[in-house]
Amino acid sequence: MGSFRHQFSSIFNRDIVYVAPWLIGTLILVVVPTLSLFGLAFWEDEALSAGAIGRLIESDLVRLSFFNSLFFVSIAVPVRILGAFFLALLLRPNRLGPARAAVFLPSVIPPPAWALIGLWLFNPLNGPINLVLQGLGFSAVNWLVNANATRIMFVILSGFQLGEGFVVLLIGRALIPDHLYDAARIDGAGLFGRFWTITLPLMVPWLALLTGRDLLVSLQGTFTPSFVITYGGPYYSTTFLPLLIYELAFDFRDPALVALVMLVVFSTLAGVGLWLWRGVAFRDG
């Protein structure tokens, strides 16, 4: 897999000018607010005291928001990664350009607009999703009333926005040399055999990278739909961590501790993702 090492090295060795806008945006929008968060947490009276941490752990709403976020991520991330992988393999031929564009289109829709589209799609009375279910002989689902159904609705909505991962996996599949498949055919390997022995092992680095990235994006991406569609309801079933921090900031003016805990969670997930990726990405064999 030395070719993969060379390809990634060439990407990272390009002129810094190409990544300067991204680095500046990250500095302004991520690094500075993060440092401000630490300052706010240490500045507030008893923000990091044992009593404040105890109240955080004992809060039913905080624990529920952690459960909601964990439930969403544990289902949404595999759905998005596996869906993007399947579509990247299915739509690999260049002649399927319109189908590729259709897969990528939901990802370029701004989050507030996509949330409004989701509100229309899952309208319990005349939404297209319920009309399709009724046409297939199933009962209509009260998507905005039943807590479990609402959580599943958010997973389905996120599943449509897999365009970025789809494009990355398309590139990863295109970098696999065709002569490997030709040799496998000569040896008598069938479609599944070629997938299991060539495609999947060589796509593992890309899948690992996307999994780590999607863990962070999925956690943060729940704010807009939960704010626009349900505002945390019903029964706080869609009160995810970002929405909880927003509520604490604007209603109770005490977001620092929860935000700090969320930052630790993000950093841990990012560290695990990078460790896994480095373990499989450039392994020569």
Protein backbone atom coordinates (compact mmCIF):
# COMPACT_ATOMS: atom_id res chain seq x y z
CA MET A 1 0.00 0.00 0.00
CA GLY A 2 2.97 2.28 -0.59
CA SER A 3 1.04 4.06 -3.33
CA PHE A 4 -1.50 5.26 -0.79
CA ARG A 5 1.30 6.65 1.39
CA HIS A 6 2.70 8.53 -1.61
CA GLN A 7 -0.70 9.91 -2.61
CA PHE A 8 -1.52 11.22 0.85
CA SER A 9 1.99 12.63 1.26
CA SER A 10 1.65 14.56 -1.98
CA ILE A 11 -1.62 16.03 -0.74
CA PHE A 12 -0.14 17.20 2.57
CA ASN A 13 3.02 18.57 0.96
CA ARG A 14 1.24 21.07 -1.27
CA ASP A 15 1.66 24.78 -0.87
CA ILE A 16 0.18 26.08 2.38
CA VAL A 17 -1.73 28.68 0.37
CA TYR A 18 -4.28 26.09 -0.67
CA VAL A 19 -5.23 25.28 2.92
CA ALA A 20 -4.75 28.75 4.37
CA PRO A 21 -8.46 29.75 4.13
CA TRP A 22 -9.45 26.56 5.94
CA LEU A 23 -6.77 27.07 8.62
CA ILE A 24 -7.83 30.68 9.19
CA GLY A 25 -11.50 29.68 9.43
CA THR A 26 -10.65 26.91 11.87
CA LEU A 27 -8.62 29.31 14.00
CA ILE A 28 -11.42 31.88 14.17
CA LEU A 29 -14.41 29.56 14.43
CA VAL A 30 -12.98 26.62 16.40
CA VAL A 31 -9.74 27.35 18.23
CA VAL A 32 -10.64 30.78 19.63
CA PRO A 33 -14.11 29.70 20.88
CA THR A 34 -12.55 26.59 22.44
CA LEU A 35 -10.00 28.63 24.35
CA SER A 36 -12.77 31.01 25.40
CA LEU A 37 -14.73 28.02 26.69
CA PHE A 38 -11.89 26.98 28.96
CA GLY A 39 -11.54 30.55 30.20
CA LEU A 40 -15.27 30.79 30.90
CA ALA A 41 -15.32 27.45 32.72
CA PHE A 42 -12.47 28.46 35.03
CA TRP A 43 -13.69 32.02 35.46
CA GLU A 44 -17.20 31.18 36.63
CA ASP A 45 -17.68 30.68 40.33
CA GLU A 46 -17.64 26.97 41.16
CA ALA A 47 -17.96 26.08 37.47
CA LEU A 48 -15.60 23.15 37.85
CA SER A 49 -16.25 22.40 41.49
CA ALA A 50 -17.19 18.95 42.73
CA GLY A 51 -20.69 20.19 43.53
CA ALA A 52 -21.24 21.51 40.00
CA ILE A 53 -20.00 18.28 38.45
CA GLY A 54 -22.24 16.30 40.81
CA ARG A 55 -25.28 18.33 39.81
CA LEU A 56 -24.40 17.76 36.18
CA ILE A 57 -24.23 13.98 36.67
CA GLU A 58 -27.45 13.90 38.69
CA SER A 59 -29.43 16.00 36.22
CA ASP A 60 -32.03 13.85 34.45
CA LEU A 61 -32.06 16.21 31.48
CA VAL A 62 -28.29 16.07 31.05
CA ARG A 63 -28.26 12.29 31.23
CA LEU A 64 -31.15 12.10 28.78
CA SER A 65 -29.38 14.41 26.34
CA PHE A 66 -26.28 12.21 26.53
CA PHE A 67 -28.46 9.16 25.84
CA ASN A 68 -30.16 10.88 22.91
CA SER A 69 -26.81 11.84 21.39
CA LEU A 70 -25.37 8.37 21.92
CA PHE A 71 -28.48 6.75 20.43
CA PHE A 72 -28.33 9.00 17.39
CA VAL A 73 -24.61 8.57 16.73
CA SER A 74 -24.61 4.79 17.26
CA ILE A 75 -27.24 4.36 14.51
CA ALA A 76 -26.72 7.35 12.21
CA VAL A 77 -22.96 6.90 11.71
CA PRO A 78 -23.14 3.24 10.54
CA VAL A 79 -26.13 4.08 8.32
CA ARG A 80 -24.30 6.99 6.68
CA ILE A 81 -20.98 5.17 6.23
CA LEU A 82 -22.46 1.92 4.94
CA GLY A 83 -24.92 3.80 2.73
CA ALA A 84 -22.16 5.92 1.22
CA PHE A 85 -20.00 2.82 0.69
CA PHE A 86 -22.78 0.88 -1.02
CA LEU A 87 -23.70 3.78 -3.28
CA ALA A 88 -20.05 4.45 -4.15
CA LEU A 89 -19.69 0.87 -5.36
CA LEU A 90 -23.06 0.86 -7.10
CA LEU A 91 -22.63 4.18 -8.91
CA ARG A 92 -18.97 3.86 -9.83
CA PRO A 93 -19.45 3.92 -13.66
CA ASN A 94 -19.03 7.44 -15.08
CA ARG A 95 -22.21 7.15 -17.09
CA LEU A 96 -24.20 7.32 -13.86
CA GLY A 97 -23.40 11.02 -13.34
CA PRO A 98 -27.04 12.14 -12.79
CA ALA A 99 -27.50 9.46 -10.14
CA ARG A 100 -24.31 10.62 -8.41
CA ALA A 101 -25.58 14.20 -8.42
CA ALA A 102 -28.87 13.05 -6.87
CA VAL A 103 -26.99 11.35 -4.04
CA PHE A 104 -24.84 14.41 -3.38
CA LEU A 105 -27.66 17.00 -3.68
CA PRO A 106 -29.07 16.75 -0.10
CA SER A 107 -25.60 17.49 1.29
CA VAL A 108 -25.44 20.95 -0.30
CA ILE A 109 -28.82 22.05 1.07
CA PRO A 110 -28.34 24.40 4.05
CA PRO A 111 -29.23 22.73 7.38
CA PRO A 112 -32.22 25.01 8.16
CA ALA A 113 -33.70 24.38 4.72
CA TRP A 114 -33.10 20.65 5.06
CA ALA A 115 -34.81 20.68 8.45
CA LEU A 116 -37.88 22.33 6.90
CA ILE A 117 -37.86 19.74 4.11
CA GLY A 118 -37.72 17.03 6.76
CA LEU A 119 -40.66 18.61 8.56
CA TRP A 120 -42.64 18.35 5.31
CA LEU A 121 -41.46 14.81 4.52
CA PHE A 122 -42.48 13.48 7.93
CA ASN A 123 -45.70 15.45 8.35
CA PRO A 124 -48.01 12.98 10.15
CA LEU A 125 -51.09 14.05 8.16
CA ASN A 126 -50.02 14.44 4.54
CA GLY A 127 -46.26 13.92 4.47
CA PRO A 128 -44.82 11.81 1.62
CA ILE A 129 -43.27 9.29 4.02
CA ASN A 130 -46.60 8.41 5.62
CA LEU A 131 -48.34 8.37 2.24
CA VAL A 132 -45.80 5.81 1.00
CA LEU A 133 -46.23 3.72 4.15
CA GLN A 134 -49.99 3.75 3.77
CA GLY A 135 -49.66 2.85 0.10
CA LEU A 136 -47.64 -0.21 1.15
CA GLY A 137 -50.33 -1.25 3.62
CA PHE A 138 -48.70 0.03 6.81
CA SER A 139 -50.22 2.40 9.34
CA ALA A 140 -49.23 6.06 9.41
CA VAL A 141 -46.60 6.92 12.02
CA ASN A 142 -46.92 9.85 14.41
CA TRP A 143 -43.37 10.98 13.73
CA LEU A 144 -43.62 14.19 15.76
CA VAL A 145 -45.53 12.73 18.72
CA ASN A 146 -43.95 9.39 19.52
CA ALA A 147 -40.54 9.79 21.16
CA ASN A 148 -38.92 6.72 19.62
CA ALA A 149 -40.33 7.49 16.18
CA THR A 150 -38.95 11.02 16.40
CA ARG A 151 -35.46 9.73 17.19
CA ILE A 152 -35.65 7.38 14.20
CA MET A 153 -36.88 10.28 12.04
CA PHE A 154 -33.71 12.23 12.82
CA VAL A 155 -31.59 9.20 11.90
CA ILE A 156 -33.41 8.87 8.56
CA LEU A 157 -32.95 12.57 7.82
CA SER A 158 -29.22 12.37 8.50
CA GLY A 159 -29.02 9.28 6.29
CA PHE A 160 -29.92 11.33 3.24
CA GLN A 161 -26.96 13.66 3.76
CA LEU A 162 -24.14 11.27 2.97
CA GLY A 163 -22.88 13.03 -0.16
CA GLU A 164 -19.47 14.01 1.21
CA GLY A 165 -18.64 10.49 2.31
CA PHE A 166 -19.99 9.19 -0.99
CA VAL A 167 -17.59 11.39 -2.97
CA VAL A 168 -14.62 10.42 -0.79
CA LEU A 169 -15.35 6.72 -1.22
CA LEU A 170 -15.80 7.17 -4.96
CA ILE A 171 -12.27 8.58 -5.08
CA GLY A 172 -10.95 5.79 -2.89
CA ARG A 173 -12.50 3.15 -5.13
CA ALA A 174 -11.13 4.85 -8.26
CA LEU A 175 -7.57 4.65 -6.83
CA ILE A 176 -7.66 0.85 -6.65
CA PRO A 177 -5.71 -0.44 -9.69
CA ASP A 178 -7.83 -2.35 -12.20
CA HIS A 179 -5.11 -4.93 -12.76
CA LEU A 180 -5.79 -6.34 -9.29
CA TYR A 181 -9.33 -7.19 -10.35
CA ASP A 182 -8.09 -8.60 -13.66
CA ALA A 183 -5.71 -10.90 -11.83
CA ALA A 184 -8.47 -11.97 -9.45
CA ARG A 185 -10.75 -12.83 -12.38
CA ILE A 186 -8.01 -14.94 -13.94
CA ASP A 187 -7.67 -16.79 -10.64
CA GLY A 188 -11.39 -17.51 -10.70
CA ALA A 189 -12.58 -15.05 -8.04
CA GLY A 190 -16.22 -14.09 -8.34
CA LEU A 191 -17.86 -10.75 -7.60
CA PHE A 192 -18.04 -11.36 -3.85
CA GLY A 193 -14.52 -12.77 -3.78
CA ARG A 194 -13.09 -9.69 -5.49
CA PHE A 195 -14.96 -7.46 -3.06
CA TRP A 196 -13.80 -9.39 0.02
CA THR A 197 -10.15 -9.77 -0.96
CA ILE A 198 -9.48 -6.52 -2.86
CA THR A 199 -12.11 -3.81 -2.50
CA LEU A 200 -12.84 -4.03 1.21
CA PRO A 201 -9.21 -4.29 2.48
CA LEU A 202 -8.07 -1.39 0.31
CA MET A 203 -11.08 0.74 1.29
CA VAL A 204 -10.60 0.24 5.04
CA PRO A 205 -8.41 3.38 5.46
CA TRP A 206 -11.05 5.51 3.77
CA LEU A 207 -13.83 3.96 5.85
CA ALA A 208 -11.86 4.49 9.06
CA LEU A 209 -11.20 8.12 8.20
CA LEU A 210 -14.87 8.77 7.37
CA THR A 211 -16.03 7.01 10.54
CA GLY A 212 -13.92 9.25 12.77
CA ARG A 213 -15.00 12.34 10.88
CA ASP A 214 -18.67 11.33 10.91
CA LEU A 215 -18.70 10.74 14.65
CA LEU A 216 -17.89 14.41 15.20
CA VAL A 217 -20.08 15.76 12.40
CA SER A 218 -23.09 13.71 13.48
CA LEU A 219 -22.85 14.87 17.08
CA GLN A 220 -22.64 18.53 16.10
CA GLY A 221 -25.11 18.28 13.22
CA THR A 222 -28.09 17.50 15.45
CA PHE A 223 -28.54 21.09 16.59
CA THR A 224 -30.31 22.62 13.59
CA PRO A 225 -32.91 19.87 12.97
CA SER A 226 -33.68 19.50 16.68
CA PHE A 227 -34.03 23.28 17.01
CA VAL A 228 -36.16 23.79 13.89
CA ILE A 229 -38.32 20.66 13.82
CA THR A 230 -39.02 19.69 17.43
CA TYR A 231 -37.09 22.06 19.72
CA GLY A 232 -36.06 19.07 21.79
CA GLY A 233 -39.42 17.35 21.96
CA PRO A 234 -41.46 15.31 22.28
CA TYR A 235 -40.70 14.60 25.93
CA TYR A 236 -37.08 15.79 25.45
CA SER A 237 -36.44 12.84 23.10
CA THR A 238 -34.51 15.06 20.66
CA THR A 239 -32.73 17.22 23.21
CA PHE A 240 -29.22 16.47 22.04
CA LEU A 241 -26.06 17.86 23.63
CA PRO A 242 -25.71 20.89 21.28
CA LEU A 243 -29.31 21.94 21.94
CA LEU A 244 -28.85 21.46 25.68
CA ILE A 245 -25.79 23.74 25.64
CA TYR A 246 -27.77 26.33 23.69
CA GLU A 247 -30.56 26.18 26.28
CA LEU A 248 -28.13 26.53 29.16
CA ALA A 249 -26.41 29.45 27.46
CA PHE A 250 -29.48 31.53 26.65
CA ASP A 251 -31.97 30.48 29.29
CA PHE A 252 -29.82 29.75 32.34
CA ARG A 253 -26.53 31.40 31.33
CA ASP A 254 -24.57 28.42 32.60
CA PRO A 255 -23.27 26.49 29.57
CA ALA A 256 -19.60 26.22 30.44
CA LEU A 257 -19.52 22.91 32.30
CA VAL A 258 -21.72 20.98 29.86
CA ALA A 259 -19.88 22.50 26.90
CA LEU A 260 -16.58 21.50 28.47
CA VAL A 261 -17.79 17.94 28.96
CA MET A 262 -18.97 17.87 25.35
CA LEU A 263 -15.56 19.12 24.23
CA VAL A 264 -13.91 16.28 26.14
CA VAL A 265 -16.26 13.80 24.45
CA PHE A 266 -15.46 15.28 21.02
CA SER A 267 -11.72 15.21 21.70
CA THR A 268 -11.88 11.60 22.88
CA LEU A 269 -13.79 10.51 19.81
CA ALA A 270 -11.40 12.40 17.55
CA GLY A 271 -8.39 10.84 19.27
CA VAL A 272 -9.81 7.32 18.97
CA GLY A 273 -10.66 7.94 15.32
CA LEU A 274 -7.16 9.18 14.52
CA TRP A 275 -5.57 6.28 16.38
CA LEU A 276 -7.67 3.76 14.46
CA TRP A 277 -7.00 5.52 11.17
CA ARG A 278 -3.23 5.61 11.69
CA GLY A 279 -3.35 1.94 12.58
CA VAL A 280 -4.88 0.91 9.26
CA ALA A 281 -4.25 3.73 6.80
CA PHE A 282 -0.62 3.33 5.83
CA ARG A 283 0.14 -0.23 6.70
CA ASP A 284 2.29 -1.74 4.01
CA GLY A 285 1.48 -5.26 3.18
